Structures are given as structure tokens and as C-alpha cells.
Amino acid sequence: MNLESERVLLRPLCVEDAEGNYPNWLNDPEVCRYNSHGERRYTKEMAREYIKLVSSSDAYEVFAVIDKKNGIHIGNISLQQIDPKNKKAEFAILIGEKAYWGRGYADEAAKILLSFGFETLKLHRIYCGTSEANTPMQKLALKLGFTKEGRSREAFFKNGKFYDIIHYGLLDKEHSP
């Protein structure tokens, strides 16, 4: 299933994406400075295995974020740990192509995915967590209408330092497409 807006196409992540720039994003210290990637070399084979895993599981909806103007795969976005009983899922996004940072693509892709989660998957709650150092993700969560729900102290270790994780949640009744 493809989802789209004016500038962005979300299409299911496919094995062929492992042949593009996607694995390189997870080896770039700048792209991975706020996430758990980058600790060890990420290979095309690892990307293929991940894609096969998420494609065959009902617990994931993982999409490639595509710039519609030129067809470039600029990032990935997902709902993961989908829990049908409790009608909830975790939101995650990575814009790997640095030329697209700060240009509104993450916001546009996230709005499409949240609408899919609430309207198509009939989720009640979508949540995310991010490092206290990741102010771009914190700003995105608030811009999308998420509520700051709490903090896990020193729960994330990166580059020799512990960071707090800040938790956000969005309920279906709070979502405005």
C-alpha cells in the first residue's frame, strides 16, 4: 500500500532498497548521532534481513520515504511493535539523506503515517521516545501533536555517555490530519 502527500510518497520498504543508500545512513555518525545505530558496521545483508523480517510480520509497517519530485529514497518511517489488542504502536522515523534535513519532509511523512495508523489501522495510541539530546525529534513530536509523557533517566548509552529518554504519546482523539 502506498501513501502520499504533495511532496512525499510512502511505499513499503523492499529488499531492493538495501542496494541503495539506505545501509550507508546507518553507518554515518551524523545521521545516527541520536539513535542506537552506528555502533557496528551495518551491511547490505543486514538491511536485507531486516526488510525480510519486517515485511513478514504484522507487528511492523515500515515505509520508504520517497521524494516524489525525483524518486529519491530519503529515509524510512514506521509503526512498530504494533499491538492490536491494546491498539497501540511505536512511531519511528529516520531521514538519512542529509540534503533533506530541515525542509519539512519528516513532518510531511509523519502526518501521512499517523493518519494511516489512526484511520486505517484503527490505533488508539501512537507513541515514541527519543534521546534528550535529539531536539529535532522532540520538536517534531510536539509539532505533530504528541504530548510529552515522561522521562526514563539515563536509559540510553551513546558515545560513552548516558542520556535520558523522553517519551511522547498521541491518542486518536488528539490527532488532527
N, C-alpha and C. Protein backbone atom coordinates (compact mmCIF):
# COMPACT_ATOMS: atom_id res chain seq x y z
N MET A 1 0.84 -1.17 0.00
CA MET A 1 0.00 0.00 0.00
C MET A 1 0.89 1.24 0.00
N ASN A 2 0.65 2.13 -0.92
CA ASN A 2 1.37 3.40 -0.99
C ASN A 2 0.53 4.50 -0.36
N LEU A 3 1.19 5.43 0.31
CA LEU A 3 0.55 6.58 0.93
C LEU A 3 1.27 7.80 0.39
N GLU A 4 0.55 8.90 0.16
CA GLU A 4 1.25 10.06 -0.38
C GLU A 4 0.63 11.38 0.02
N SER A 5 1.47 12.40 -0.11
CA SER A 5 1.07 13.78 0.09
C SER A 5 1.61 14.57 -1.10
N GLU A 6 1.67 15.86 -0.97
CA GLU A 6 2.12 16.69 -2.09
C GLU A 6 3.54 16.35 -2.54
N ARG A 7 4.48 16.25 -1.60
CA ARG A 7 5.88 16.03 -1.97
C ARG A 7 6.41 14.64 -1.64
N VAL A 8 5.67 13.88 -0.85
CA VAL A 8 6.19 12.63 -0.30
C VAL A 8 5.34 11.43 -0.69
N LEU A 9 6.04 10.36 -1.04
CA LEU A 9 5.42 9.06 -1.26
C LEU A 9 5.96 8.12 -0.19
N LEU A 10 5.08 7.42 0.49
CA LEU A 10 5.49 6.35 1.40
C LEU A 10 5.11 5.05 0.73
N ARG A 11 6.09 4.20 0.51
CA ARG A 11 5.84 2.88 -0.05
C ARG A 11 6.52 1.86 0.83
N PRO A 12 6.00 0.64 0.85
CA PRO A 12 6.64 -0.36 1.70
C PRO A 12 8.13 -0.50 1.39
N LEU A 13 8.93 -0.57 2.43
CA LEU A 13 10.36 -0.81 2.27
C LEU A 13 10.52 -2.17 1.61
N CYS A 14 11.39 -2.26 0.60
CA CYS A 14 11.57 -3.52 -0.12
C CYS A 14 13.04 -3.91 -0.15
N VAL A 15 13.31 -5.18 -0.42
CA VAL A 15 14.67 -5.71 -0.40
C VAL A 15 15.59 -4.93 -1.33
N GLU A 16 15.07 -4.44 -2.43
CA GLU A 16 15.88 -3.66 -3.37
C GLU A 16 16.42 -2.38 -2.73
N ASP A 17 15.75 -1.86 -1.71
CA ASP A 17 16.21 -0.65 -1.03
C ASP A 17 17.57 -0.87 -0.36
N ALA A 18 17.90 -2.12 -0.04
CA ALA A 18 19.20 -2.43 0.57
C ALA A 18 20.34 -2.16 -0.40
N GLU A 19 20.05 -2.10 -1.68
CA GLU A 19 21.09 -1.85 -2.69
C GLU A 19 21.36 -0.35 -2.87
N GLY A 20 20.50 0.49 -2.31
CA GLY A 20 20.67 1.93 -2.44
C GLY A 20 21.49 2.50 -1.30
N ASN A 21 21.22 3.74 -0.97
CA ASN A 21 21.98 4.46 0.04
C ASN A 21 21.56 4.11 1.48
N TYR A 22 20.43 3.47 1.64
CA TYR A 22 19.88 3.19 2.97
C TYR A 22 20.88 2.56 3.94
N PRO A 23 21.60 1.49 3.59
CA PRO A 23 22.55 0.95 4.57
C PRO A 23 23.64 1.95 4.98
N ASN A 24 24.02 2.84 4.07
CA ASN A 24 25.04 3.84 4.38
C ASN A 24 24.59 4.82 5.45
N TRP A 25 23.29 5.12 5.49
CA TRP A 25 22.78 6.04 6.51
C TRP A 25 23.12 5.54 7.90
N LEU A 26 22.98 4.22 8.08
CA LEU A 26 23.16 3.64 9.41
C LEU A 26 24.64 3.48 9.78
N ASN A 27 25.52 3.87 8.88
CA ASN A 27 26.95 3.90 9.16
C ASN A 27 27.48 5.33 9.27
N ASP A 28 26.60 6.30 9.10
CA ASP A 28 27.00 7.71 9.13
C ASP A 28 26.82 8.24 10.56
N PRO A 29 27.92 8.61 11.23
CA PRO A 29 27.82 9.07 12.62
C PRO A 29 26.89 10.26 12.79
N GLU A 30 26.81 11.14 11.82
CA GLU A 30 25.93 12.31 11.93
C GLU A 30 24.46 11.90 11.85
N VAL A 31 24.14 11.00 10.92
CA VAL A 31 22.77 10.52 10.79
C VAL A 31 22.34 9.75 12.04
N CYS A 32 23.27 9.02 12.63
CA CYS A 32 22.96 8.14 13.76
C CYS A 32 23.31 8.72 15.13
N ARG A 33 23.59 10.00 15.19
CA ARG A 33 24.07 10.56 16.46
C ARG A 33 23.07 10.44 17.60
N TYR A 34 21.77 10.30 17.30
CA TYR A 34 20.77 10.22 18.38
C TYR A 34 20.11 8.86 18.50
N ASN A 35 20.52 7.88 17.67
CA ASN A 35 19.85 6.58 17.74
C ASN A 35 20.84 5.47 18.06
N SER A 36 20.37 4.25 18.14
CA SER A 36 21.21 3.13 18.54
C SER A 36 22.04 2.55 17.40
N HIS A 37 21.88 3.06 16.20
CA HIS A 37 22.68 2.58 15.08
C HIS A 37 24.08 3.20 15.14
N GLY A 38 24.95 2.68 14.32
CA GLY A 38 26.28 3.24 14.21
C GLY A 38 27.29 2.63 15.17
N GLU A 39 26.85 1.74 16.04
CA GLU A 39 27.76 1.10 16.99
C GLU A 39 28.62 0.05 16.28
N ARG A 40 28.05 -0.57 15.27
CA ARG A 40 28.79 -1.54 14.46
C ARG A 40 28.39 -1.36 13.00
N ARG A 41 29.22 -1.82 12.12
CA ARG A 41 29.02 -1.63 10.68
C ARG A 41 27.70 -2.28 10.25
N TYR A 42 26.87 -1.52 9.55
CA TYR A 42 25.60 -2.02 9.02
C TYR A 42 25.80 -2.35 7.55
N THR A 43 25.53 -3.59 7.18
CA THR A 43 25.80 -4.06 5.82
C THR A 43 24.51 -4.18 5.00
N LYS A 44 24.68 -4.33 3.71
CA LYS A 44 23.53 -4.55 2.82
C LYS A 44 22.81 -5.84 3.22
N GLU A 45 23.56 -6.85 3.61
CA GLU A 45 22.95 -8.11 4.02
C GLU A 45 22.09 -7.92 5.28
N MET A 46 22.58 -7.13 6.21
CA MET A 46 21.80 -6.84 7.42
C MET A 46 20.52 -6.09 7.05
N ALA A 47 20.62 -5.16 6.12
CA ALA A 47 19.44 -4.42 5.66
C ALA A 47 18.44 -5.36 5.01
N ARG A 48 18.93 -6.27 4.17
CA ARG A 48 18.03 -7.24 3.51
C ARG A 48 17.31 -8.10 4.55
N GLU A 49 18.05 -8.56 5.56
CA GLU A 49 17.44 -9.41 6.60
C GLU A 49 16.39 -8.63 7.39
N TYR A 50 16.70 -7.39 7.73
CA TYR A 50 15.73 -6.55 8.44
C TYR A 50 14.46 -6.36 7.61
N ILE A 51 14.63 -6.06 6.34
CA ILE A 51 13.48 -5.84 5.46
C ILE A 51 12.63 -7.10 5.35
N LYS A 52 13.28 -8.25 5.22
CA LYS A 52 12.53 -9.53 5.16
C LYS A 52 11.76 -9.75 6.46
N LEU A 53 12.40 -9.46 7.59
CA LEU A 53 11.75 -9.64 8.89
C LEU A 53 10.51 -8.77 9.03
N VAL A 54 10.66 -7.47 8.77
CA VAL A 54 9.53 -6.57 8.98
C VAL A 54 8.44 -6.77 7.95
N SER A 55 8.81 -7.21 6.75
CA SER A 55 7.82 -7.44 5.69
C SER A 55 6.94 -8.64 6.00
N SER A 56 7.44 -9.56 6.80
CA SER A 56 6.68 -10.78 7.09
C SER A 56 6.01 -10.74 8.46
N SER A 57 6.04 -9.60 9.13
CA SER A 57 5.49 -9.50 10.47
C SER A 57 4.33 -8.51 10.53
N ASP A 58 3.30 -8.88 11.25
CA ASP A 58 2.16 -7.99 11.47
C ASP A 58 2.49 -6.90 12.50
N ALA A 59 3.63 -7.01 13.15
CA ALA A 59 4.00 -6.05 14.19
C ALA A 59 4.69 -4.81 13.63
N TYR A 60 4.89 -4.76 12.31
CA TYR A 60 5.60 -3.64 11.68
C TYR A 60 4.88 -3.16 10.43
N GLU A 61 4.89 -1.86 10.25
CA GLU A 61 4.53 -1.21 8.99
C GLU A 61 5.68 -0.25 8.70
N VAL A 62 6.59 -0.67 7.83
CA VAL A 62 7.79 0.11 7.55
C VAL A 62 7.74 0.60 6.11
N PHE A 63 7.93 1.90 5.96
CA PHE A 63 7.84 2.53 4.64
C PHE A 63 9.13 3.25 4.28
N ALA A 64 9.44 3.24 3.00
CA ALA A 64 10.49 4.09 2.46
C ALA A 64 9.86 5.46 2.23
N VAL A 65 10.57 6.51 2.61
CA VAL A 65 10.13 7.88 2.35
C VAL A 65 10.78 8.31 1.04
N ILE A 66 9.94 8.62 0.07
CA ILE A 66 10.42 8.94 -1.28
C ILE A 66 10.06 10.38 -1.62
N ASP A 67 11.05 11.12 -2.13
CA ASP A 67 10.79 12.46 -2.67
C ASP A 67 10.10 12.26 -4.02
N LYS A 68 8.84 12.64 -4.11
CA LYS A 68 8.06 12.41 -5.33
C LYS A 68 8.64 13.12 -6.56
N LYS A 69 9.28 14.25 -6.34
CA LYS A 69 9.79 15.04 -7.46
C LYS A 69 10.86 14.30 -8.25
N ASN A 70 11.76 13.61 -7.54
CA ASN A 70 12.86 12.95 -8.24
C ASN A 70 13.00 11.46 -7.93
N GLY A 71 12.08 10.91 -7.14
CA GLY A 71 12.09 9.47 -6.86
C GLY A 71 13.17 9.00 -5.91
N ILE A 72 13.83 9.92 -5.21
CA ILE A 72 14.92 9.53 -4.30
C ILE A 72 14.36 9.01 -2.98
N HIS A 73 14.93 7.89 -2.54
CA HIS A 73 14.63 7.30 -1.22
C HIS A 73 15.42 8.11 -0.20
N ILE A 74 14.72 8.90 0.60
CA ILE A 74 15.40 9.83 1.51
C ILE A 74 15.38 9.39 2.97
N GLY A 75 14.58 8.39 3.30
CA GLY A 75 14.51 7.94 4.68
C GLY A 75 13.54 6.80 4.86
N ASN A 76 13.37 6.39 6.10
CA ASN A 76 12.42 5.33 6.45
C ASN A 76 11.54 5.83 7.60
N ILE A 77 10.33 5.32 7.62
CA ILE A 77 9.38 5.70 8.67
C ILE A 77 8.56 4.47 9.00
N SER A 78 8.20 4.32 10.27
CA SER A 78 7.48 3.09 10.62
C SER A 78 6.56 3.25 11.82
N LEU A 79 5.63 2.33 11.85
CA LEU A 79 4.88 2.00 13.06
C LEU A 79 5.37 0.60 13.41
N GLN A 80 5.86 0.43 14.62
CA GLN A 80 6.43 -0.85 15.02
C GLN A 80 5.90 -1.24 16.39
N GLN A 81 6.15 -2.49 16.73
CA GLN A 81 5.58 -3.05 17.96
C GLN A 81 4.07 -2.83 17.97
N ILE A 82 3.46 -3.02 16.79
CA ILE A 82 2.01 -2.84 16.67
C ILE A 82 1.32 -3.87 17.56
N ASP A 83 0.47 -3.38 18.42
CA ASP A 83 -0.23 -4.21 19.41
C ASP A 83 -1.73 -4.08 19.14
N PRO A 84 -2.31 -5.05 18.39
CA PRO A 84 -3.73 -4.94 18.04
C PRO A 84 -4.68 -5.01 19.24
N LYS A 85 -4.32 -5.76 20.27
CA LYS A 85 -5.18 -5.87 21.45
C LYS A 85 -5.32 -4.52 22.14
N ASN A 86 -4.19 -3.84 22.35
CA ASN A 86 -4.21 -2.55 23.03
C ASN A 86 -4.27 -1.37 22.08
N LYS A 87 -4.33 -1.67 20.78
CA LYS A 87 -4.49 -0.65 19.73
C LYS A 87 -3.44 0.45 19.83
N LYS A 88 -2.17 0.00 19.89
CA LYS A 88 -1.09 0.98 20.01
C LYS A 88 0.10 0.55 19.16
N ALA A 89 0.98 1.51 18.87
CA ALA A 89 2.20 1.24 18.12
C ALA A 89 3.22 2.33 18.39
N GLU A 90 4.47 1.99 18.17
CA GLU A 90 5.57 2.94 18.32
C GLU A 90 5.88 3.57 16.97
N PHE A 91 6.06 4.88 16.97
CA PHE A 91 6.41 5.65 15.78
C PHE A 91 7.92 5.84 15.73
N ALA A 92 8.51 5.64 14.54
CA ALA A 92 9.94 5.88 14.35
C ALA A 92 10.17 6.48 12.97
N ILE A 93 11.16 7.35 12.86
CA ILE A 93 11.50 7.98 11.58
C ILE A 93 13.00 8.23 11.52
N LEU A 94 13.53 8.09 10.32
CA LEU A 94 14.93 8.42 10.05
C LEU A 94 15.01 9.03 8.65
N ILE A 95 15.38 10.28 8.58
CA ILE A 95 15.67 10.89 7.28
C ILE A 95 17.19 10.76 7.11
N GLY A 96 17.60 9.88 6.22
CA GLY A 96 19.01 9.57 6.05
C GLY A 96 19.75 10.47 5.09
N GLU A 97 19.02 11.03 4.14
CA GLU A 97 19.65 11.93 3.17
C GLU A 97 19.71 13.33 3.77
N LYS A 98 20.90 13.75 4.14
CA LYS A 98 21.08 15.00 4.89
C LYS A 98 20.62 16.23 4.12
N ALA A 99 20.62 16.17 2.80
CA ALA A 99 20.15 17.32 1.99
C ALA A 99 18.67 17.61 2.25
N TYR A 100 17.95 16.66 2.84
CA TYR A 100 16.52 16.82 3.11
C TYR A 100 16.23 17.23 4.54
N TRP A 101 17.24 17.35 5.36
CA TRP A 101 17.05 17.76 6.76
C TRP A 101 16.56 19.20 6.81
N GLY A 102 15.62 19.45 7.71
CA GLY A 102 15.15 20.81 7.95
C GLY A 102 14.29 21.38 6.84
N ARG A 103 13.78 20.55 5.95
CA ARG A 103 12.98 21.03 4.82
C ARG A 103 11.52 20.57 4.89
N GLY A 104 11.11 20.02 6.04
CA GLY A 104 9.72 19.65 6.24
C GLY A 104 9.31 18.28 5.75
N TYR A 105 10.26 17.49 5.25
CA TYR A 105 9.91 16.16 4.74
C TYR A 105 9.53 15.20 5.86
N ALA A 106 10.23 15.28 6.99
CA ALA A 106 9.90 14.41 8.12
C ALA A 106 8.48 14.71 8.61
N ASP A 107 8.16 15.97 8.73
CA ASP A 107 6.83 16.39 9.18
C ASP A 107 5.75 15.88 8.21
N GLU A 108 5.99 16.05 6.93
CA GLU A 108 5.01 15.63 5.92
C GLU A 108 4.84 14.12 5.93
N ALA A 109 5.95 13.38 5.99
CA ALA A 109 5.88 11.91 6.02
C ALA A 109 5.18 11.44 7.29
N ALA A 110 5.49 12.06 8.42
CA ALA A 110 4.90 11.65 9.69
C ALA A 110 3.39 11.87 9.71
N LYS A 111 2.93 12.97 9.15
CA LYS A 111 1.49 13.23 9.12
C LYS A 111 0.76 12.15 8.32
N ILE A 112 1.34 11.73 7.21
CA ILE A 112 0.73 10.67 6.40
C ILE A 112 0.67 9.37 7.21
N LEU A 113 1.78 9.02 7.87
CA LEU A 113 1.84 7.76 8.61
C LEU A 113 0.90 7.77 9.81
N LEU A 114 0.82 8.89 10.51
CA LEU A 114 -0.09 8.96 11.66
C LEU A 114 -1.54 8.79 11.21
N SER A 115 -1.90 9.42 10.11
CA SER A 115 -3.27 9.25 9.59
C SER A 115 -3.52 7.78 9.23
N PHE A 116 -2.55 7.14 8.63
CA PHE A 116 -2.66 5.70 8.31
C PHE A 116 -2.86 4.90 9.60
N GLY A 117 -2.07 5.20 10.61
CA GLY A 117 -2.17 4.47 11.87
C GLY A 117 -3.53 4.62 12.54
N PHE A 118 -4.03 5.83 12.59
CA PHE A 118 -5.30 6.06 13.26
C PHE A 118 -6.50 5.70 12.40
N GLU A 119 -6.46 6.02 11.13
CA GLU A 119 -7.64 5.83 10.28
C GLU A 119 -7.72 4.43 9.66
N THR A 120 -6.60 3.88 9.22
CA THR A 120 -6.61 2.58 8.56
C THR A 120 -6.39 1.44 9.55
N LEU A 121 -5.37 1.58 10.39
CA LEU A 121 -5.10 0.52 11.37
C LEU A 121 -5.99 0.62 12.60
N LYS A 122 -6.70 1.73 12.74
CA LYS A 122 -7.63 1.95 13.87
C LYS A 122 -6.92 1.89 15.22
N LEU A 123 -5.71 2.44 15.26
CA LEU A 123 -4.98 2.50 16.52
C LEU A 123 -5.61 3.55 17.43
N HIS A 124 -5.45 3.34 18.71
CA HIS A 124 -5.92 4.30 19.71
C HIS A 124 -4.78 5.21 20.17
N ARG A 125 -3.55 4.65 20.16
CA ARG A 125 -2.40 5.38 20.71
C ARG A 125 -1.16 5.10 19.88
N ILE A 126 -0.43 6.16 19.57
CA ILE A 126 0.88 6.05 18.92
C ILE A 126 1.86 6.78 19.82
N TYR A 127 3.00 6.16 20.06
CA TYR A 127 3.97 6.72 20.99
C TYR A 127 5.37 6.69 20.39
N CYS A 128 6.26 7.46 20.97
CA CYS A 128 7.66 7.44 20.56
C CYS A 128 8.51 7.88 21.74
N GLY A 129 9.78 7.58 21.63
CA GLY A 129 10.74 8.03 22.63
C GLY A 129 12.00 8.47 21.93
N THR A 130 12.69 9.43 22.50
CA THR A 130 13.92 9.91 21.89
C THR A 130 14.91 10.38 22.94
N SER A 131 16.15 10.39 22.57
CA SER A 131 17.20 10.87 23.46
C SER A 131 16.96 12.34 23.82
N GLU A 132 17.29 12.70 25.02
CA GLU A 132 17.17 14.09 25.45
C GLU A 132 17.99 15.03 24.57
N ALA A 133 19.01 14.50 23.90
CA ALA A 133 19.86 15.31 23.03
C ALA A 133 19.22 15.54 21.66
N ASN A 134 18.21 14.76 21.32
CA ASN A 134 17.61 14.83 19.99
C ASN A 134 16.50 15.89 19.94
N THR A 135 16.91 17.14 19.97
CA THR A 135 15.91 18.22 19.95
C THR A 135 15.11 18.26 18.64
N PRO A 136 15.67 17.91 17.47
CA PRO A 136 14.82 17.90 16.27
C PRO A 136 13.63 16.93 16.40
N MET A 137 13.85 15.73 16.97
CA MET A 137 12.75 14.79 17.13
C MET A 137 11.76 15.27 18.18
N GLN A 138 12.25 15.90 19.23
CA GLN A 138 11.35 16.45 20.25
C GLN A 138 10.44 17.52 19.64
N LYS A 139 11.02 18.39 18.83
CA LYS A 139 10.23 19.44 18.17
C LYS A 139 9.22 18.83 17.21
N LEU A 140 9.63 17.79 16.47
CA LEU A 140 8.71 17.12 15.54
C LEU A 140 7.54 16.50 16.31
N ALA A 141 7.83 15.80 17.38
CA ALA A 141 6.76 15.16 18.16
C ALA A 141 5.74 16.20 18.63
N LEU A 142 6.21 17.30 19.17
CA LEU A 142 5.30 18.34 19.65
C LEU A 142 4.53 18.98 18.49
N LYS A 143 5.19 19.21 17.37
CA LYS A 143 4.53 19.79 16.20
C LYS A 143 3.41 18.88 15.67
N LEU A 144 3.61 17.56 15.81
CA LEU A 144 2.62 16.59 15.35
C LEU A 144 1.48 16.40 16.34
N GLY A 145 1.57 17.05 17.50
CA GLY A 145 0.51 16.96 18.49
C GLY A 145 0.74 15.97 19.61
N PHE A 146 1.90 15.32 19.62
CA PHE A 146 2.22 14.40 20.71
C PHE A 146 2.32 15.17 22.02
N THR A 147 2.02 14.48 23.10
CA THR A 147 2.16 15.03 24.45
C THR A 147 3.38 14.40 25.10
N LYS A 148 4.17 15.23 25.74
CA LYS A 148 5.31 14.71 26.50
C LYS A 148 4.74 13.97 27.70
N GLU A 149 5.11 12.69 27.84
CA GLU A 149 4.52 11.85 28.88
C GLU A 149 5.47 11.51 30.02
N GLY A 150 6.75 11.64 29.77
CA GLY A 150 7.66 11.30 30.85
C GLY A 150 9.09 11.15 30.38
N ARG A 151 9.89 10.65 31.28
CA ARG A 151 11.33 10.56 31.05
C ARG A 151 11.86 9.29 31.72
N SER A 152 12.68 8.57 31.00
CA SER A 152 13.41 7.44 31.59
C SER A 152 14.85 7.92 31.78
N ARG A 153 15.25 7.99 33.02
CA ARG A 153 16.56 8.55 33.34
C ARG A 153 17.70 7.63 32.92
N GLU A 154 18.68 8.23 32.24
CA GLU A 154 19.90 7.54 31.82
C GLU A 154 19.62 6.17 31.21
N ALA A 155 18.67 6.12 30.29
CA ALA A 155 18.23 4.86 29.69
C ALA A 155 18.87 4.57 28.34
N PHE A 156 19.68 5.49 27.83
CA PHE A 156 20.28 5.34 26.50
C PHE A 156 21.76 5.69 26.58
N PHE A 157 22.60 4.75 26.14
CA PHE A 157 24.05 4.94 26.19
C PHE A 157 24.58 5.14 24.78
N LYS A 158 25.24 6.26 24.53
CA LYS A 158 25.78 6.57 23.20
C LYS A 158 27.07 7.34 23.36
N ASN A 159 28.08 6.91 22.65
CA ASN A 159 29.37 7.60 22.64
C ASN A 159 29.93 7.85 24.04
N GLY A 160 29.83 6.83 24.88
CA GLY A 160 30.43 6.91 26.20
C GLY A 160 29.64 7.69 27.24
N LYS A 161 28.39 8.02 26.93
CA LYS A 161 27.60 8.83 27.86
C LYS A 161 26.17 8.30 27.94
N PHE A 162 25.57 8.40 29.12
CA PHE A 162 24.16 8.04 29.30
C PHE A 162 23.29 9.26 29.07
N TYR A 163 22.15 9.03 28.40
CA TYR A 163 21.16 10.08 28.14
C TYR A 163 19.80 9.62 28.63
N ASP A 164 18.99 10.58 29.04
CA ASP A 164 17.60 10.29 29.35
C ASP A 164 16.83 10.07 28.05
N ILE A 165 15.78 9.26 28.12
CA ILE A 165 14.85 9.09 27.00
C ILE A 165 13.58 9.85 27.36
N ILE A 166 13.12 10.70 26.45
CA ILE A 166 11.89 11.45 26.65
C ILE A 166 10.79 10.74 25.86
N HIS A 167 9.67 10.49 26.53
CA HIS A 167 8.56 9.73 25.95
C HIS A 167 7.42 10.65 25.56
N TYR A 168 6.82 10.35 24.41
CA TYR A 168 5.70 11.12 23.87
C TYR A 168 4.58 10.17 23.47
N GLY A 169 3.34 10.64 23.55
CA GLY A 169 2.20 9.84 23.13
C GLY A 169 1.15 10.71 22.45
N LEU A 170 0.42 10.09 21.53
CA LEU A 170 -0.66 10.76 20.80
C LEU A 170 -1.84 9.80 20.74
N LEU A 171 -3.02 10.28 21.16
CA LEU A 171 -4.23 9.47 21.11
C LEU A 171 -5.01 9.80 19.85
N ASP A 172 -5.83 8.85 19.42
CA ASP A 172 -6.61 9.06 18.19
C ASP A 172 -7.48 10.31 18.28
N LYS A 173 -8.07 10.57 19.44
CA LYS A 173 -8.94 11.74 19.59
C LYS A 173 -8.17 13.06 19.55
N GLU A 174 -6.84 13.00 19.73
CA GLU A 174 -6.00 14.21 19.68
C GLU A 174 -5.42 14.48 18.30
N HIS A 175 -5.50 13.48 17.45
CA HIS A 175 -4.88 13.57 16.12
C HIS A 175 -5.73 14.43 15.18
N SER A 176 -5.08 15.36 14.54
CA SER A 176 -5.77 16.15 13.52
C SER A 176 -5.02 16.01 12.20
N PRO A 177 -5.63 15.33 11.24
CA PRO A 177 -4.96 15.05 9.96
C PRO A 177 -4.54 16.29 9.20
